[in-house]
Structure formats: C-alpha cells, structure tokens
Amino acid sequence: MKDFWQRFRRNRGAVIGLVLLLAVILIALFAPLLFPQSPWKMVQRPFLPPFDMSQYPLGTDALGRNVIAGLAYGAQVSLLIGLVSTVVSLAIGIPLGAFAGYFGGWIDDSLMRFTEFFQTVPSFALAIVLVAIFEPSVMSIIAAIAIVSWPPVARLVRGEVLSLRSREYVEAAVLSGQKTSTIIWRQILPNTLSPIIVLASLMVATAILLESSLSFLGLGDPNMMSWGYMIGAARTVIRQAWWLSFLPGLAIVLTVLSLNLIGEGLNDALNPRLSRKGK
C-alpha cells in the first residue's frame, strides 16, 4: 500500500484530481448542512449576479433560486448516479467477461455476440430510449447508464482472463480439483483488478457526463436538482445571465477532469511494468 501511494503521488495531475474529487465529495455530503433550504425554493429576485450579495455568492437563477445550493445538491445527484451505475455495470460485465474468457468456445462466441449487440447501438441514444420508456427517475437513469456501460467491462475482463487462464497457478488449481467457480473468482479475477479499477474510475466520469446530458434534455429526475438540468434551464437566457450555464458546466468539467486524472494516476501506480521501471 505504501509503494502504491508513492507511485500514485509521483503523478501530480492525479494528486490534483484527488484533491478536486475530495472537495466535490465533501460539498455533496455536507450540502444539507450548508444549505438547509430546498434548492428549488425561490430566495431572492431572479438573475441576481454573482458576488452581489454575500448570502448568495453565486447569484440566483431565472426563478430566484440559489445557484450555489443547486450546485451543491447537483453534486449529490452526479456522484450517486456515477458511482451506483458503475457498480451495476461492473456487476454485469465482470461475470460475463470472466465466463467468456475462461470457457471459450461457443460460450465465448455467444456472450461476445450478446455484448456486440449492445455496442451496435450508440450508447447515448440507447440511454435516451431506456429512460424515456421507464420514465425519468434516479433509478431509471442508473439502470439505463449501467445497461449501456457494461460491454467495455466484459471485453476487458475477457481479454485479461484469456491471458491468465493458461498460467501455471491456474493449471495447478485445476489439477488439485478446485471448482471452476473457485478458480475464476479466487485465482483469476484478483489478478485482473488493476485494469478494472482504472476502467471503473473512467466509467464514473462517463456516467456523470451521460446523466448531465440526459438532464439537459429534460430526462433527469424532476424531483432532484442536477447540473445538467441547471444548464438546460439556463440555455435560453445565456446572453442575459451567462453564469447560470457556466457555473454548472464548470462543475461538470472539474469533476470529470478529476476522475480522468485519478484514472491516469491509478494506471501508473497499478501497472506492474511501470512499477518496475520506477524502481
């Protein structure tokens, strides 16, 4: 663990990304304490510019709602959907990829054709259709993003398992009579964690972008404030109140950038070849 942190810390971009992400997480966690009023509540006159009133440092929107409160509660929605949808995607993609890579043959062909079916349709278009069918809500958005995000996980795990299933320790486990499920889950998958962790960090960023895009189009949860909704609601008044689009857009950029920087840092820290070079 100490060596991992030392390698991670060498990447300055990754450290900056970690600091940014921790800041976003803290804002999301303490949003109810910092802003006890609902972000939907009208608190001042509309289009109050930033820094005009200390009580509302980032101004108000077209309906007089507190912009900074909306950003804080929007962080909750983005992180929740990003993390949960990624976990669901991993829960789908890892087993499918592991079985396809280990067994090969017709099982591999069938599972990969099934995976390719989801990849033939543009992920954003499929997500829009799924959310529209099941009605916009946090659960439907999570399900839609998970459904369009698991194929890359399955392909990555399949490739890793294909390269590991012929290793000596796997053959020794087979000869010792261990069950197939035990070999896959205890012998092979633990050795595929490094690329999966890196991919997961990037998937969270992609999920946040997808959720923001859906909310921008009016397919977000109508009961929850989100960054995409804030941008979409302000697009008609962008000349009159530029900050209403700029601030949530900046929040999305910084959060996604931080996750990408962390992903690069994790790749440097977990890649054994880079580790050997560092030594």
Protein backbone atom coordinates (compact mmCIF):
# COMPACT_ATOMS: atom_id res chain seq x y z
CA MET A 1 0.00 0.00 0.00
CA LYS A 2 2.87 2.35 0.82
CA ASP A 3 4.53 1.65 -2.54
CA PHE A 4 1.22 2.21 -4.30
CA TRP A 5 0.76 5.63 -2.70
CA GLN A 6 4.34 6.63 -3.52
CA ARG A 7 3.83 5.73 -7.19
CA PHE A 8 0.46 7.49 -7.25
CA ARG A 9 1.91 10.59 -5.62
CA ARG A 10 4.56 10.92 -8.35
CA ASN A 11 1.77 11.84 -10.77
CA ARG A 12 1.00 15.46 -9.84
CA GLY A 13 -2.08 15.52 -12.03
CA ALA A 14 -3.51 12.54 -10.17
CA VAL A 15 -2.94 14.24 -6.81
CA ILE A 16 -4.66 17.41 -8.06
CA GLY A 17 -7.52 15.27 -9.36
CA LEU A 18 -7.83 13.53 -6.00
CA VAL A 19 -7.99 16.87 -4.17
CA LEU A 20 -10.67 18.16 -6.57
CA LEU A 21 -12.73 14.99 -6.23
CA LEU A 22 -12.50 15.05 -2.43
CA ALA A 23 -13.71 18.65 -2.49
CA VAL A 24 -16.72 17.69 -4.62
CA ILE A 25 -17.50 14.73 -2.34
CA LEU A 26 -17.33 16.92 0.78
CA ILE A 27 -19.62 19.52 -0.80
CA ALA A 28 -22.10 16.78 -1.73
CA LEU A 29 -22.02 15.22 1.75
CA PHE A 30 -22.47 18.49 3.62
CA ALA A 31 -24.93 20.10 1.20
CA PRO A 32 -27.93 19.61 3.57
CA LEU A 33 -25.98 21.26 6.40
CA LEU A 34 -24.59 24.12 4.31
CA PHE A 35 -27.89 24.78 2.54
CA PRO A 36 -30.79 23.52 4.66
CA GLN A 37 -33.37 25.11 2.36
CA SER A 38 -34.51 23.23 -0.73
CA PRO A 39 -32.54 24.17 -3.87
CA TRP A 40 -35.91 24.57 -5.59
CA LYS A 41 -37.01 27.36 -3.22
CA MET A 42 -37.12 30.95 -4.51
CA VAL A 43 -34.95 33.03 -2.18
CA GLN A 44 -34.29 36.33 -3.98
CA ARG A 45 -35.08 38.26 -7.12
CA PRO A 46 -34.29 36.46 -10.40
CA PHE A 47 -30.96 36.92 -12.18
CA LEU A 48 -29.06 38.17 -9.15
CA PRO A 49 -25.43 38.36 -10.38
CA PRO A 50 -22.62 36.53 -8.56
CA PHE A 51 -20.96 38.33 -5.63
CA ASP A 52 -23.71 40.96 -5.39
CA MET A 53 -24.96 39.56 -2.06
CA SER A 54 -22.80 37.67 0.43
CA GLN A 55 -25.77 35.47 1.34
CA TYR A 56 -25.96 34.25 -2.28
CA PRO A 57 -22.35 34.38 -3.52
CA LEU A 58 -23.08 32.82 -6.92
CA GLY A 59 -26.32 34.67 -7.53
CA THR A 60 -29.77 33.35 -8.41
CA ASP A 61 -31.32 31.78 -11.48
CA ALA A 62 -34.31 32.76 -13.63
CA LEU A 63 -36.72 31.84 -10.84
CA GLY A 64 -34.76 33.36 -7.98
CA ARG A 65 -33.28 30.08 -6.70
CA ASN A 66 -29.89 29.95 -5.00
CA VAL A 67 -27.31 28.86 -7.60
CA ILE A 68 -24.68 27.65 -5.13
CA ALA A 69 -27.26 25.48 -3.37
CA GLY A 70 -28.21 23.96 -6.72
CA LEU A 71 -24.56 23.19 -7.45
CA ALA A 72 -24.11 21.51 -4.06
CA TYR A 73 -27.21 19.32 -4.39
CA GLY A 74 -26.34 18.63 -8.03
CA ALA A 75 -23.04 17.15 -6.85
CA GLN A 76 -25.03 14.61 -4.81
CA VAL A 77 -27.00 13.50 -7.87
CA SER A 78 -23.97 13.28 -10.17
CA LEU A 79 -21.82 11.30 -7.73
CA LEU A 80 -24.67 9.00 -6.71
CA ILE A 81 -25.62 8.12 -10.27
CA GLY A 82 -21.99 7.89 -11.40
CA LEU A 83 -20.92 5.53 -8.60
CA VAL A 84 -24.01 3.30 -8.47
CA SER A 85 -24.30 2.89 -12.25
CA THR A 86 -20.61 1.97 -12.42
CA VAL A 87 -21.02 -0.65 -9.68
CA VAL A 88 -24.00 -2.15 -11.54
CA SER A 89 -22.05 -2.15 -14.81
CA LEU A 90 -19.16 -3.98 -13.14
CA ALA A 91 -21.59 -6.50 -11.60
CA ILE A 92 -22.88 -7.30 -15.10
CA GLY A 93 -19.68 -7.09 -17.13
CA ILE A 94 -17.20 -8.88 -14.86
CA PRO A 95 -19.04 -12.24 -14.63
CA LEU A 96 -19.89 -12.27 -18.35
CA GLY A 97 -16.34 -11.42 -19.36
CA ALA A 98 -14.86 -13.93 -16.92
CA PHE A 99 -17.01 -16.84 -18.14
CA ALA A 100 -16.43 -15.94 -21.79
CA GLY A 101 -12.67 -15.78 -21.34
CA TYR A 102 -12.34 -18.89 -19.20
CA PHE A 103 -14.58 -21.33 -21.06
CA GLY A 104 -14.03 -20.09 -24.62
CA GLY A 105 -15.70 -21.95 -27.47
CA TRP A 106 -19.41 -21.48 -28.04
CA ILE A 107 -19.87 -19.85 -24.64
CA ASP A 108 -17.35 -17.17 -25.57
CA ASP A 109 -18.92 -16.69 -29.00
CA SER A 110 -22.44 -16.42 -27.60
CA LEU A 111 -21.54 -13.97 -24.83
CA MET A 112 -19.45 -11.80 -27.15
CA ARG A 113 -22.21 -11.67 -29.77
CA PHE A 114 -24.58 -10.63 -26.99
CA THR A 115 -22.10 -7.93 -25.96
CA GLU A 116 -21.69 -6.70 -29.53
CA PHE A 117 -25.47 -6.34 -29.83
CA PHE A 118 -25.38 -3.60 -27.18
CA GLN A 119 -22.37 -1.97 -28.81
CA THR A 120 -24.03 -1.65 -32.23
CA VAL A 121 -26.45 0.96 -30.86
CA PRO A 122 -24.96 4.34 -29.84
CA SER A 123 -24.86 4.36 -26.05
CA PHE A 124 -26.36 7.83 -25.64
CA ALA A 125 -29.24 7.09 -27.99
CA LEU A 126 -29.97 3.81 -26.18
CA ALA A 127 -29.86 5.58 -22.80
CA ILE A 128 -32.38 8.18 -24.03
CA VAL A 129 -34.76 5.45 -25.23
CA LEU A 130 -34.49 3.46 -21.99
CA VAL A 131 -35.07 6.49 -19.73
CA ALA A 132 -38.00 7.63 -21.87
CA ILE A 133 -39.58 4.16 -21.68
CA PHE A 134 -39.24 3.78 -17.89
CA GLU A 135 -39.96 7.47 -17.11
CA PRO A 136 -37.21 9.77 -15.80
CA SER A 137 -36.09 8.95 -12.26
CA VAL A 138 -32.83 8.28 -10.46
CA MET A 139 -33.37 4.51 -10.68
CA SER A 140 -34.22 4.52 -14.40
CA ILE A 141 -31.20 6.73 -15.17
CA ILE A 142 -28.89 4.43 -13.19
CA ALA A 143 -30.33 1.37 -14.96
CA ALA A 144 -30.01 2.98 -18.40
CA ILE A 145 -26.40 4.08 -17.86
CA ALA A 146 -25.48 0.65 -16.45
CA ILE A 147 -27.01 -1.13 -19.44
CA VAL A 148 -25.03 0.94 -21.95
CA SER A 149 -21.78 0.87 -19.94
CA TRP A 150 -21.13 -2.81 -19.15
CA PRO A 151 -19.90 -4.06 -22.62
CA PRO A 152 -16.39 -2.48 -22.31
CA VAL A 153 -16.05 -4.12 -18.87
CA ALA A 154 -16.95 -7.53 -20.28
CA ARG A 155 -14.45 -7.17 -23.12
CA LEU A 156 -11.66 -6.02 -20.82
CA VAL A 157 -12.21 -8.86 -18.34
CA ARG A 158 -12.47 -11.42 -21.16
CA GLY A 159 -9.10 -10.33 -22.55
CA GLU A 160 -7.45 -10.46 -19.12
CA VAL A 161 -8.90 -13.89 -18.35
CA LEU A 162 -7.79 -15.25 -21.72
CA SER A 163 -4.20 -14.26 -20.90
CA LEU A 164 -4.35 -15.68 -17.36
CA ARG A 165 -6.19 -18.99 -17.75
CA SER A 166 -3.10 -20.78 -19.06
CA ARG A 167 -0.83 -19.64 -16.21
CA GLU A 168 0.83 -22.26 -14.04
CA TYR A 169 -1.05 -21.41 -10.87
CA VAL A 170 -4.39 -21.79 -12.70
CA GLU A 171 -3.36 -25.17 -14.12
CA ALA A 172 -2.23 -26.23 -10.65
CA ALA A 173 -5.63 -25.25 -9.25
CA VAL A 174 -7.35 -27.33 -11.95
CA LEU A 175 -5.18 -30.36 -11.22
CA SER A 176 -5.85 -30.03 -7.49
CA GLY A 177 -9.58 -30.45 -8.18
CA GLN A 178 -10.80 -26.97 -7.33
CA LYS A 179 -14.21 -26.00 -8.64
CA THR A 180 -14.39 -23.86 -11.78
CA SER A 181 -16.15 -21.05 -9.92
CA THR A 182 -13.43 -21.08 -7.24
CA ILE A 183 -10.69 -20.90 -9.85
CA ILE A 184 -12.34 -17.96 -11.60
CA TRP A 185 -13.20 -15.92 -8.51
CA ARG A 186 -10.19 -16.69 -6.33
CA GLN A 187 -7.35 -17.43 -8.74
CA ILE A 188 -8.01 -15.40 -11.89
CA LEU A 189 -10.18 -12.36 -11.11
CA PRO A 190 -7.99 -10.99 -8.28
CA ASN A 191 -5.20 -10.65 -10.87
CA THR A 192 -7.44 -8.56 -13.15
CA LEU A 193 -8.28 -5.92 -10.55
CA SER A 194 -5.73 -3.34 -11.68
CA PRO A 195 -7.19 -2.62 -15.16
CA ILE A 196 -10.74 -2.94 -13.79
CA ILE A 197 -10.10 -0.28 -11.13
CA VAL A 198 -8.64 2.09 -13.73
CA LEU A 199 -11.58 1.50 -16.08
CA ALA A 200 -14.07 1.99 -13.24
CA SER A 201 -12.69 5.46 -12.44
CA LEU A 202 -13.16 6.48 -16.07
CA MET A 203 -16.63 4.93 -16.18
CA VAL A 204 -17.76 7.11 -13.28
CA ALA A 205 -16.72 10.17 -15.28
CA THR A 206 -18.58 8.91 -18.36
CA ALA A 207 -21.69 8.19 -16.28
CA ILE A 208 -21.66 11.75 -14.90
CA LEU A 209 -21.49 13.11 -18.45
CA LEU A 210 -24.35 10.84 -19.55
CA GLU A 211 -26.53 11.85 -16.61
CA SER A 212 -25.83 15.54 -17.27
CA SER A 213 -26.71 15.11 -20.94
CA LEU A 214 -29.97 13.35 -20.10
CA SER A 215 -30.91 16.04 -17.58
CA PHE A 216 -30.04 18.74 -20.12
CA LEU A 217 -32.58 17.18 -22.49
CA GLY A 218 -35.24 17.11 -19.78
CA LEU A 219 -34.87 13.41 -18.99
CA GLY A 220 -33.48 13.84 -15.47
CA ASP A 221 -35.31 13.13 -12.23
CA PRO A 222 -37.81 16.03 -11.90
CA ASN A 223 -37.56 15.88 -8.10
CA MET A 224 -33.78 16.29 -7.88
CA MET A 225 -31.60 19.25 -8.82
CA SER A 226 -28.76 18.32 -11.17
CA TRP A 227 -26.02 20.11 -13.07
CA GLY A 228 -27.41 19.08 -16.44
CA TYR A 229 -30.85 20.42 -15.52
CA MET A 230 -29.32 23.75 -14.45
CA ILE A 231 -27.55 24.13 -17.80
CA GLY A 232 -30.65 23.13 -19.72
CA ALA A 233 -32.89 25.55 -17.80
CA ALA A 234 -30.45 28.42 -18.41
CA ARG A 235 -29.76 27.88 -22.10
CA THR A 236 -32.49 30.31 -23.18
CA VAL A 237 -31.07 33.15 -21.06
CA ILE A 238 -27.37 32.57 -21.71
CA ARG A 239 -26.87 36.13 -23.04
CA GLN A 240 -28.71 37.68 -20.11
CA ALA A 241 -27.21 35.51 -17.34
CA TRP A 242 -24.13 33.67 -18.62
CA TRP A 243 -23.17 32.39 -15.16
CA LEU A 244 -26.23 30.14 -14.93
CA SER A 245 -24.80 27.90 -17.66
CA PHE A 246 -21.13 28.50 -16.98
CA LEU A 247 -21.04 27.51 -13.29
CA PRO A 248 -22.71 24.06 -13.53
CA GLY A 249 -20.72 23.44 -16.72
CA LEU A 250 -17.53 24.24 -14.84
CA ALA A 251 -18.58 21.86 -12.05
CA ILE A 252 -19.04 19.05 -14.59
CA VAL A 253 -15.70 19.77 -16.27
CA LEU A 254 -13.76 19.82 -12.98
CA THR A 255 -15.39 16.62 -11.68
CA VAL A 256 -14.88 14.68 -14.91
CA LEU A 257 -11.32 16.03 -15.24
CA SER A 258 -10.50 14.98 -11.67
CA LEU A 259 -11.74 11.44 -12.33
CA ASN A 260 -9.70 11.19 -15.53
CA LEU A 261 -6.58 12.44 -13.75
CA ILE A 262 -7.15 9.90 -10.97
CA GLY A 263 -7.56 7.18 -13.59
CA GLU A 264 -4.18 8.07 -15.10
CA GLY A 265 -2.61 8.05 -11.65
CA LEU A 266 -4.10 4.66 -10.84
CA ASN A 267 -2.83 3.30 -14.14
CA ASP A 268 0.70 4.47 -13.31
CA ALA A 269 0.52 3.11 -9.76
CA LEU A 270 -1.07 -0.25 -10.58
CA ASN A 271 0.76 -1.07 -13.81
CA PRO A 272 3.46 -3.54 -12.76
CA ARG A 273 5.72 -2.70 -15.70
CA LEU A 274 5.69 0.98 -14.77
CA SER A 275 6.30 -0.04 -11.15
CA ARG A 276 9.42 -1.97 -12.10
CA LYS A 277 10.69 0.96 -14.13
CA GLY A 278 10.10 3.24 -11.14
CA LYS A 279 12.29 1.01 -9.00
